[in-house]
Amino acid sequence: MASNLKIFEYLPNYKDDVALIDRGNSHTYNQLLSRIELWDRVLSSYPENCVFAVEGDFSIESVSLIFSLINKRSIIVPLDIKLQQINDEKYEIAAINYIIRIIGDKYDIELVKSEQSDNELYLQLYEENVPGLVLFTSGSSGKPKAAVHNFDKLLKKFETRRPIYVTINFLLFDHWGGLNTMFHILSNGGKLVLLEERSPDYVCKLIEEHQVELLPTSPTFLNMLVASRAYKRHDLTSLRLITYGAEPMPNSLLQLVNKIFPDIKFHQTYGLIELGVLRSKSENNDSLWVKIGGEGYKVRVSNDMLEIKSDSAMIGYLNAPSPFTEDGWFKTGDSVEVKGDYFKILGRKSELINVGGEKVFPQEVENVILEIEEVEDVIVFGEKHPLTGNIVCAKVLLSKGQEVKEIIKAIKMHCRSNLASYKVPIKIQVSNEEIFGKRFKKKRVKS
């Protein structure tokens, strides 16, 4: 391999150790290296300075392809193959040259356009002769933004040796959280268990079958795990650590999972598509206070909003203005409380509900509603109102067999007893459907 990245130097050290378990099949590091070399040969006939979209999910083929494209110093755009209905827009934004679609052990390569993009961010990567990575935000507040990274800088963190666990790669293929887990485990010679689906029973089945020690996930999935009781149908005693991030954790849920899994350590993570994943340390197992930063990161708070300066920050958006301050700090949009070196993430500024000039964080209201035993899940959002500007609304998912009118009445009474009047939901809707998106986190949409 021609790459000068140290991550490529580490892989041969692990030889016949198992690197990946993909659809029940174990693949050693030697086999992974062989697949990477096969992709090197396939890609050798394609031009330099190209943008490759990789549509798939985590598999031996997609993982080895990502390594090969890094080695080729291409610009890589990972996309979830199950979301093809929204991928067409991303092809255009990212100025894709080729699409490589991977389903199982099959692939096809489609030429989209042969001309090279003259976007200045891409030209900067080509001039520096480094691989690039383009990641898309969720687009919950409009069109998804395309964040362009120098991939070399993102991968530098994996040069430091870290402890490893047998890990399920729960987080998604087109998000840095999933890629970060993959690179961390493989650069340290660990074993990664790949998923075909992300239902609670299937995840628990693989944890039991492969003696998984680490589950990186989201609060929404943990809530699904509790509600489904899948943890009671499988032996999860191998689990040592559950990490959670991507959205605020309800305090009631954190207390509950600590009670259900008293021997498992819970660790809050913090990362953004634009910055990568920061090192973090929870104050304790059942605390929402977290210390974030670490090598290569600086953290500050301005007007109660978290700002971060990072060596591995993106170089810019393809389709949006720069979110950096003049002195290079990234404005995260996260409102926080501060206690010494620890932060509590209150929620996104974009999700704030302004009720007659008063600010309401959806997470605070959700925490109170989730204290009601009959409520399985809830999402709080704002709705425009001619007098107050907005009102607080809630959509709740109830346990089966509940009397809807009585529960709505109980929710309002409980909220009035525990919240300021302007935070109490005016409208409460009962939903029979899941109230989270494909990324296993809540989608709050303001009307």
Protein backbone atom coordinates (compact mmCIF):
# COMPACT_ATOMS: atom_id res chain seq x y z
CA MET A 1 0.00 0.00 0.00
CA ALA A 2 1.33 3.42 -0.98
CA SER A 3 -0.42 5.50 1.69
CA ASN A 4 1.66 7.36 4.26
CA LEU A 5 -1.11 7.13 6.86
CA LYS A 6 -0.13 5.14 9.94
CA ILE A 7 -3.49 3.40 10.06
CA PHE A 8 -2.34 1.33 7.07
CA GLU A 9 0.81 0.37 8.96
CA TYR A 10 -1.19 -1.07 11.85
CA LEU A 11 -3.50 -3.42 9.93
CA PRO A 12 -0.84 -6.03 8.96
CA ASN A 13 0.17 -6.41 12.62
CA TYR A 14 -3.04 -8.28 13.46
CA LYS A 15 -2.72 -10.99 10.75
CA ASP A 16 -5.10 -13.88 11.54
CA ASP A 17 -7.06 -12.08 14.26
CA VAL A 18 -10.74 -11.57 13.38
CA ALA A 19 -11.37 -8.04 12.13
CA LEU A 20 -15.00 -8.18 10.99
CA ILE A 21 -18.01 -10.41 11.43
CA ASP A 22 -20.24 -9.73 8.45
CA ARG A 23 -23.54 -11.62 8.06
CA GLY A 24 -22.24 -14.38 10.32
CA ASN A 25 -18.93 -14.76 8.47
CA SER A 26 -15.63 -13.96 10.17
CA HIS A 27 -12.95 -12.10 8.22
CA THR A 28 -9.38 -11.81 9.48
CA TYR A 29 -7.11 -8.79 9.10
CA ASN A 30 -5.17 -10.65 6.41
CA GLN A 31 -8.43 -11.20 4.51
CA LEU A 32 -9.36 -7.55 4.94
CA LEU A 33 -5.99 -6.52 3.53
CA SER A 34 -6.52 -8.87 0.56
CA ARG A 35 -9.89 -7.23 -0.15
CA ILE A 36 -8.32 -3.79 0.04
CA GLU A 37 -5.69 -4.86 -2.50
CA LEU A 38 -8.43 -6.21 -4.80
CA TRP A 39 -10.17 -2.84 -4.67
CA ASP A 40 -6.81 -1.13 -5.34
CA ARG A 41 -6.60 -3.09 -8.59
CA VAL A 42 -10.22 -2.33 -9.54
CA LEU A 43 -9.77 1.38 -8.92
CA SER A 44 -6.37 1.63 -10.63
CA SER A 45 -8.06 2.20 -14.00
CA TYR A 46 -10.07 5.16 -12.70
CA PRO A 47 -8.66 8.69 -12.88
CA GLU A 48 -7.11 10.59 -9.99
CA ASN A 49 -8.86 13.56 -8.37
CA CYS A 50 -12.33 12.04 -8.48
CA VAL A 51 -15.34 12.14 -6.19
CA PHE A 52 -16.70 8.68 -5.40
CA ALA A 53 -20.08 8.14 -3.76
CA VAL A 54 -20.19 4.81 -1.92
CA GLU A 55 -23.76 3.59 -1.43
CA GLY A 56 -24.08 0.76 1.02
CA ASP A 57 -23.97 -0.23 4.67
CA PHE A 58 -21.09 -1.63 6.68
CA SER A 59 -19.79 -4.86 5.14
CA ILE A 60 -16.43 -6.44 4.31
CA GLU A 61 -16.74 -4.94 0.81
CA SER A 62 -17.68 -1.40 1.84
CA VAL A 63 -15.04 -1.27 4.59
CA SER A 64 -12.25 -2.46 2.30
CA LEU A 65 -13.44 -0.07 -0.43
CA ILE A 66 -13.26 2.91 1.96
CA PHE A 67 -9.66 1.99 2.83
CA SER A 68 -8.78 1.63 -0.85
CA LEU A 69 -10.29 5.02 -1.74
CA ILE A 70 -8.32 6.62 1.09
CA ASN A 71 -5.20 4.99 -0.32
CA LYS A 72 -6.06 6.40 -3.75
CA ARG A 73 -6.54 9.85 -2.16
CA SER A 74 -10.03 10.19 -3.60
CA ILE A 75 -12.84 12.30 -2.21
CA ILE A 76 -15.31 9.87 -0.60
CA VAL A 77 -19.03 10.44 -0.07
CA PRO A 78 -20.53 7.56 1.98
CA LEU A 79 -24.32 7.24 1.53
CA ASP A 80 -26.89 4.90 3.05
CA ILE A 81 -28.18 2.68 0.26
CA LYS A 82 -31.57 2.41 2.01
CA LEU A 83 -32.09 6.17 1.54
CA GLN A 84 -31.82 6.30 -2.24
CA GLN A 85 -34.87 8.56 -2.50
CA ILE A 86 -32.84 11.42 -0.98
CA ASN A 87 -29.45 10.51 -2.41
CA ASP A 88 -30.07 12.03 -5.86
CA GLU A 89 -29.98 15.52 -4.35
CA LYS A 90 -26.72 14.68 -2.59
CA TYR A 91 -25.10 13.51 -5.86
CA GLU A 92 -25.63 16.97 -7.29
CA ILE A 93 -24.49 18.87 -4.19
CA ALA A 94 -21.31 16.79 -3.89
CA ALA A 95 -20.52 16.89 -7.64
CA ILE A 96 -20.19 13.10 -7.80
CA ASN A 97 -18.05 11.56 -10.57
CA TYR A 98 -18.76 7.89 -9.81
CA ILE A 99 -21.25 5.95 -7.70
CA ILE A 100 -20.16 2.58 -6.32
CA ARG A 101 -23.18 0.64 -5.04
CA ILE A 102 -22.58 -2.33 -2.77
CA ILE A 103 -25.25 -4.87 -1.89
CA GLY A 104 -23.91 -7.91 -0.07
CA ASP A 105 -20.80 -9.09 -1.93
CA LYS A 106 -21.93 -7.53 -5.24
CA TYR A 107 -21.12 -4.09 -6.55
CA ASP A 108 -21.55 -1.90 -9.59
CA ILE A 109 -19.81 1.32 -10.61
CA GLU A 110 -21.78 4.04 -12.40
CA LEU A 111 -20.25 7.04 -14.15
CA VAL A 112 -22.20 10.19 -13.30
CA LYS A 113 -19.99 12.80 -14.92
CA SER A 114 -16.41 12.81 -16.11
CA GLU A 115 -15.52 16.48 -15.62
CA GLN A 116 -13.68 17.44 -12.45
CA SER A 117 -15.39 19.85 -10.05
CA ASP A 118 -13.78 23.27 -9.75
CA ASN A 119 -15.07 23.76 -6.21
CA GLU A 120 -12.29 25.48 -4.25
CA LEU A 121 -12.59 23.03 -1.34
CA TYR A 122 -12.03 20.07 -3.63
CA LEU A 123 -9.18 21.85 -5.44
CA GLN A 124 -7.52 22.41 -2.08
CA LEU A 125 -7.61 18.66 -1.34
CA TYR A 126 -6.29 17.79 -4.79
CA GLU A 127 -3.45 20.31 -4.46
CA GLU A 128 -2.46 18.88 -1.05
CA ASN A 129 -2.73 15.33 -2.47
CA VAL A 130 -4.84 14.09 0.45
CA PRO A 131 -8.05 12.05 0.57
CA GLY A 132 -11.30 13.89 1.28
CA LEU A 133 -14.52 12.98 3.04
CA VAL A 134 -17.92 14.57 2.47
CA LEU A 135 -20.57 14.07 5.15
CA PHE A 136 -24.13 15.40 5.06
CA THR A 137 -26.04 16.91 7.94
CA SER A 138 -29.52 15.52 8.58
CA GLY A 139 -31.24 18.45 6.85
CA SER A 140 -33.92 18.76 9.55
CA SER A 141 -33.93 22.56 9.19
CA GLY A 142 -33.73 22.67 5.40
CA LYS A 143 -31.49 21.19 2.73
CA PRO A 144 -28.72 18.93 4.04
CA LYS A 145 -25.36 20.69 4.25
CA ALA A 146 -22.30 18.95 2.80
CA ALA A 147 -19.26 19.17 5.11
CA VAL A 148 -15.90 18.66 3.38
CA HIS A 149 -13.04 17.18 5.42
CA ASN A 150 -9.36 16.58 4.88
CA PHE A 151 -9.54 12.83 5.64
CA ASP A 152 -5.89 12.73 6.72
CA LYS A 153 -6.67 15.07 9.62
CA LEU A 154 -9.65 13.00 10.75
CA LEU A 155 -7.53 9.85 10.75
CA LYS A 156 -4.66 11.32 12.80
CA LYS A 157 -6.46 10.56 16.06
CA PHE A 158 -6.25 6.83 15.36
CA GLU A 159 -2.45 6.90 15.53
CA THR A 160 -2.78 6.89 19.34
CA ARG A 161 -3.29 3.39 20.76
CA ARG A 162 -6.56 2.99 22.68
CA PRO A 163 -8.28 0.15 24.61
CA ILE A 164 -10.61 -1.95 22.47
CA TYR A 165 -13.71 -4.06 22.96
CA VAL A 166 -15.64 -6.49 20.80
CA THR A 167 -17.95 -3.91 19.29
CA ILE A 168 -21.21 -3.75 17.34
CA ASN A 169 -21.11 -1.07 14.67
CA PHE A 170 -24.62 0.23 15.35
CA LEU A 171 -24.13 3.81 14.11
CA LEU A 172 -24.73 4.39 10.42
CA PHE A 173 -22.42 4.09 7.42
CA ASP A 174 -22.99 7.65 6.15
CA HIS A 175 -22.25 9.32 9.49
CA TRP A 176 -18.91 10.00 11.18
CA GLY A 177 -20.09 8.22 14.33
CA GLY A 178 -20.23 4.91 12.48
CA LEU A 179 -16.99 5.51 10.59
CA ASN A 180 -15.24 6.67 13.77
CA THR A 181 -16.16 3.40 15.52
CA MET A 182 -14.93 1.39 12.55
CA PHE A 183 -11.54 3.14 12.36
CA HIS A 184 -11.05 3.03 16.12
CA ILE A 185 -11.64 -0.72 16.37
CA LEU A 186 -9.68 -1.71 13.26
CA SER A 187 -6.69 0.56 13.94
CA ASN A 188 -6.32 -1.07 17.37
CA GLY A 189 -6.76 -4.67 16.20
CA GLY A 190 -10.25 -5.19 17.59
CA LYS A 191 -13.25 -7.15 16.39
CA LEU A 192 -16.20 -5.39 14.77
CA VAL A 193 -19.62 -7.03 14.46
CA LEU A 194 -21.61 -5.63 11.51
CA LEU A 195 -25.41 -5.37 11.42
CA GLU A 196 -27.93 -6.25 8.72
CA GLU A 197 -30.72 -4.53 10.67
CA ARG A 198 -31.02 -2.45 13.83
CA SER A 199 -34.04 -3.85 15.67
CA PRO A 200 -33.65 -4.46 19.43
CA ASP A 201 -34.05 -8.24 19.18
CA TYR A 202 -31.56 -8.57 16.33
CA VAL A 203 -28.97 -6.38 18.07
CA CYS A 204 -29.39 -8.33 21.31
CA LYS A 205 -29.10 -11.62 19.43
CA LEU A 206 -25.73 -10.59 17.99
CA ILE A 207 -24.52 -9.31 21.37
CA GLU A 208 -25.24 -12.72 22.87
CA GLU A 209 -23.89 -14.71 19.91
CA HIS A 210 -20.59 -12.84 19.57
CA GLN A 211 -20.05 -11.84 23.21
CA VAL A 212 -20.12 -8.15 22.30
CA GLU A 213 -18.60 -5.86 24.93
CA LEU A 214 -19.38 -2.38 23.52
CA LEU A 215 -22.63 -1.02 22.09
CA PRO A 216 -22.36 2.54 20.68
CA THR A 217 -25.91 3.81 20.16
CA SER A 218 -28.47 6.59 20.70
CA PRO A 219 -30.93 7.34 23.51
CA THR A 220 -33.78 6.60 21.12
CA PHE A 221 -32.52 3.05 20.55
CA LEU A 222 -32.01 2.54 24.28
CA ASN A 223 -35.62 3.57 24.78
CA MET A 224 -36.67 1.04 22.12
CA LEU A 225 -34.56 -1.62 23.85
CA VAL A 226 -36.30 -0.98 27.17
CA ALA A 227 -39.80 -0.81 25.67
CA SER A 228 -39.34 -4.01 23.62
CA ARG A 229 -37.90 -5.92 26.62
CA ALA A 230 -35.54 -7.59 24.16
CA TYR A 231 -32.84 -7.46 26.83
CA LYS A 232 -34.86 -10.01 28.82
CA ARG A 233 -34.92 -12.48 25.93
CA HIS A 234 -31.15 -12.56 25.41
CA ASP A 235 -28.01 -12.95 27.50
CA LEU A 236 -26.28 -9.56 27.51
CA THR A 237 -23.82 -10.26 30.31
CA SER A 238 -20.85 -9.77 27.95
CA LEU A 239 -21.69 -6.04 27.59
CA ARG A 240 -19.27 -3.85 29.52
CA LEU A 241 -19.90 -0.43 28.01
CA ILE A 242 -22.78 1.41 26.30
CA THR A 243 -21.98 4.76 24.75
CA TYR A 244 -24.74 7.16 23.75
CA GLY A 245 -24.89 10.37 21.77
CA ALA A 246 -26.41 12.06 18.67
CA GLU A 247 -29.24 13.61 20.76
CA PRO A 248 -29.88 14.61 24.39
CA MET A 249 -30.43 11.73 26.80
CA PRO A 250 -33.63 11.94 28.91
CA ASN A 251 -32.64 11.82 32.57
CA SER A 252 -35.44 9.36 33.37
CA LEU A 253 -34.18 6.98 30.67
CA LEU A 254 -30.59 7.22 31.92
CA GLN A 255 -31.71 6.35 35.46
CA LEU A 256 -33.82 3.46 34.14
CA VAL A 257 -31.09 1.84 32.03
CA ASN A 258 -28.66 2.14 34.92
CA LYS A 259 -31.18 0.25 37.06
CA ILE A 260 -31.75 -2.42 34.40
CA PHE A 261 -28.02 -2.82 33.64
CA PRO A 262 -26.24 -2.11 36.94
CA ASP A 263 -22.99 -3.77 35.81
CA ILE A 264 -22.65 -1.84 32.54
CA LYS A 265 -20.81 1.47 32.29
CA PHE A 266 -22.69 4.25 30.45
CA HIS A 267 -20.62 6.86 28.66
CA GLN A 268 -21.91 10.00 26.95
CA THR A 269 -20.21 10.93 23.67
CA TYR A 270 -20.18 14.20 21.78
CA GLY A 271 -19.41 14.76 18.13
CA LEU A 272 -20.55 16.67 15.09
CA ILE A 273 -20.30 15.96 11.37
CA GLU A 274 -18.31 19.17 11.02
CA LEU A 275 -15.77 18.37 13.77
CA GLY A 276 -15.49 14.64 14.30
CA VAL A 277 -15.94 12.88 17.65
CA LEU A 278 -14.37 14.54 20.68
CA ARG A 279 -12.95 12.64 23.63
CA SER A 280 -15.42 12.73 26.48
CA LYS A 281 -15.81 11.72 30.11
CA SER A 282 -19.14 11.42 31.92
CA GLU A 283 -19.18 12.78 35.47
CA ASN A 284 -20.53 9.40 36.58
CA ASN A 285 -22.65 6.55 35.25
CA ASP A 286 -26.03 8.19 35.79
CA SER A 287 -25.05 11.82 35.19
CA LEU A 288 -25.77 13.95 32.12
CA TRP A 289 -22.76 16.18 32.91
CA VAL A 290 -19.89 15.45 30.54
CA LYS A 291 -16.35 16.72 30.05
CA ILE A 292 -15.46 17.10 26.37
CA GLY A 293 -12.38 18.10 24.40
CA GLY A 294 -9.10 16.23 24.50
CA GLU A 295 -6.06 16.40 22.26
CA GLY A 296 -6.63 18.58 19.21
CA TYR A 297 -9.75 20.29 20.60
CA LYS A 298 -10.43 23.52 22.49
CA VAL A 299 -13.81 24.29 24.01
CA ARG A 300 -15.45 27.55 25.09
CA VAL A 301 -18.95 28.91 25.78
CA SER A 302 -20.21 32.14 24.23
CA ASN A 303 -23.70 33.42 25.13
CA ASP A 304 -24.51 30.00 26.62
CA MET A 305 -23.67 28.35 23.29
CA LEU A 306 -20.89 25.79 22.88
CA GLU A 307 -18.05 26.67 20.50
CA ILE A 308 -15.19 24.34 19.56
CA LYS A 309 -11.87 24.80 17.79
CA SER A 310 -10.48 21.59 16.30
CA ASP A 311 -7.45 20.49 14.29
CA SER A 312 -9.73 18.05 12.47
CA ALA A 313 -12.57 20.46 11.72
CA MET A 314 -14.02 20.43 8.23
CA ILE A 315 -12.54 22.84 5.74
CA GLY A 316 -16.00 24.12 4.81
CA TYR A 317 -19.48 23.44 3.46
CA LEU A 318 -20.06 22.86 -0.24
CA ASN A 319 -23.47 24.54 -0.13
CA ALA A 320 -23.65 26.83 2.90
CA PRO A 321 -21.79 29.78 4.45
CA SER A 322 -18.95 29.17 6.88
CA PRO A 323 -20.10 28.48 10.47
CA PHE A 324 -16.73 29.46 11.94
CA THR A 325 -15.99 32.65 13.85
CA GLU A 326 -13.28 34.97 12.55
CA ASP A 327 -10.81 33.39 14.98
CA GLY A 328 -11.64 29.85 13.85
CA TRP A 329 -14.16 28.60 16.42
CA PHE A 330 -17.03 26.40 15.21
CA LYS A 331 -20.46 27.52 16.43
CA THR A 332 -22.09 24.19 17.34
CA GLY A 333 -25.62 25.53 17.89
CA ASP A 334 -25.80 23.59 21.17
CA SER A 335 -26.98 25.41 24.27
CA VAL A 336 -25.21 24.27 27.42
CA GLU A 337 -24.96 24.68 31.16
CA VAL A 338 -21.49 24.74 32.71
CA LYS A 339 -20.27 23.26 35.99
CA GLY A 340 -16.52 23.55 36.36
CA ASP A 341 -15.00 21.46 33.54
CA TYR A 342 -18.31 19.72 32.80
CA PHE A 343 -21.11 20.60 30.39
CA LYS A 344 -24.76 19.64 30.21
CA ILE A 345 -26.11 19.71 26.65
CA LEU A 346 -29.57 21.31 26.78
CA GLY A 347 -30.43 21.07 23.10
CA ARG A 348 -30.02 22.70 19.74
CA LYS A 349 -30.65 26.41 19.40
CA SER A 350 -32.65 25.66 16.25
CA GLU A 351 -35.06 23.51 18.30
CA LEU A 352 -35.81 26.20 20.92
CA ILE A 353 -39.49 27.11 21.19
CA ASN A 354 -40.06 30.83 21.75
CA VAL A 355 -43.30 31.28 23.71
CA GLY A 356 -44.05 34.98 24.18
CA GLY A 357 -40.34 35.74 24.52
CA GLU A 358 -39.66 32.82 26.90
CA LYS A 359 -37.34 30.02 25.77
CA VAL A 360 -38.44 26.41 26.02
CA PHE A 361 -36.04 23.50 25.46
CA PRO A 362 -37.99 20.48 24.15
CA GLN A 363 -35.77 18.09 26.10
CA GLU A 364 -36.78 19.62 29.45
CA VAL A 365 -40.49 19.10 28.72
CA GLU A 366 -39.86 15.59 27.37
CA ASN A 367 -38.00 14.66 30.55
CA VAL A 368 -41.04 15.60 32.64
CA ILE A 369 -43.53 13.77 30.40
CA LEU A 370 -41.37 10.65 30.38
CA GLU A 371 -41.75 10.45 34.16
CA ILE A 372 -45.30 9.19 33.52
CA GLU A 373 -45.19 5.40 33.50
CA GLU A 374 -47.70 4.95 30.67
CA VAL A 375 -45.67 7.11 28.25
CA GLU A 376 -43.30 5.02 26.17
CA ASP A 377 -41.80 7.92 24.22
CA VAL A 378 -42.48 11.58 23.47
CA ILE A 379 -41.39 14.32 21.13
CA VAL A 380 -41.97 17.99 21.93
CA PHE A 381 -42.04 20.72 19.27
CA GLY A 382 -43.33 24.22 18.61
CA GLU A 383 -46.36 25.32 16.62
CA LYS A 384 -46.99 28.89 15.49
CA HIS A 385 -49.63 30.88 17.39
CA PRO A 386 -50.96 34.40 16.63
CA LEU A 387 -50.74 35.62 20.25
CA THR A 388 -47.59 34.05 21.74
CA GLY A 389 -45.62 33.42 18.55
CA ASN A 390 -45.44 29.70 19.36
CA ILE A 391 -47.07 27.16 21.64
CA VAL A 392 -45.60 23.96 23.01
CA CYS A 393 -46.95 20.74 21.50
CA ALA A 394 -46.24 17.10 22.25
CA LYS A 395 -46.66 13.84 20.41
CA VAL A 396 -46.66 10.82 22.71
CA LEU A 397 -46.33 7.10 22.17
CA LEU A 398 -48.22 5.18 24.86
CA SER A 399 -47.93 1.70 26.25
CA LYS A 400 -50.61 -0.59 24.87
CA GLY A 401 -54.08 -0.62 26.39
CA GLN A 402 -54.06 2.92 27.80
CA GLU A 403 -57.08 5.22 27.95
CA VAL A 404 -56.05 8.14 25.77
CA LYS A 405 -58.17 10.91 27.33
CA GLU A 406 -57.13 10.00 30.85
CA ILE A 407 -53.43 9.88 29.96
CA ILE A 408 -53.55 13.27 28.20
CA LYS A 409 -55.22 14.74 31.27
CA ALA A 410 -52.57 13.16 33.51
CA ILE A 411 -49.74 14.52 31.31
CA LYS A 412 -51.06 18.08 31.52
CA MET A 413 -51.55 17.86 35.29
CA HIS A 414 -48.04 16.46 35.77
CA CYS A 415 -46.52 19.17 33.58
CA ARG A 416 -48.39 21.94 35.43
CA SER A 417 -46.97 20.62 38.70
CA ASN A 418 -43.37 20.45 37.45
CA LEU A 419 -42.97 23.15 34.77
CA ALA A 420 -43.52 26.87 34.35
CA SER A 421 -46.91 27.55 32.77
CA TYR A 422 -45.45 28.61 29.40
CA LYS A 423 -43.65 25.25 29.10
CA VAL A 424 -46.80 23.15 29.54
CA PRO A 425 -47.92 21.58 26.23
CA ILE A 426 -51.11 23.15 24.86
CA LYS A 427 -51.66 20.37 22.33
CA ILE A 428 -50.96 16.71 23.02
CA GLN A 429 -51.33 14.16 20.24
CA VAL A 430 -51.20 10.41 20.71
CA SER A 431 -49.26 8.56 18.02
CA ASN A 432 -49.38 4.90 17.11
CA GLU A 433 -46.20 5.15 15.05
CA GLU A 434 -42.54 5.46 15.97
CA ILE A 435 -41.56 9.08 16.48
CA PHE A 436 -37.93 8.89 15.41
CA GLY A 437 -36.09 8.92 12.12
CA LYS A 438 -33.95 6.38 10.31
CA ARG A 439 -30.93 7.50 12.34
CA PHE A 440 -32.56 6.40 15.60
CA LYS A 441 -32.95 9.89 16.98
CA LYS A 442 -35.96 12.15 17.42
CA LYS A 443 -36.90 14.47 14.58
CA ARG A 444 -38.42 17.68 15.90
CA VAL A 445 -40.05 19.68 13.11
CA LYS A 446 -41.36 23.16 13.78
CA SER A 447 -44.45 24.18 11.87
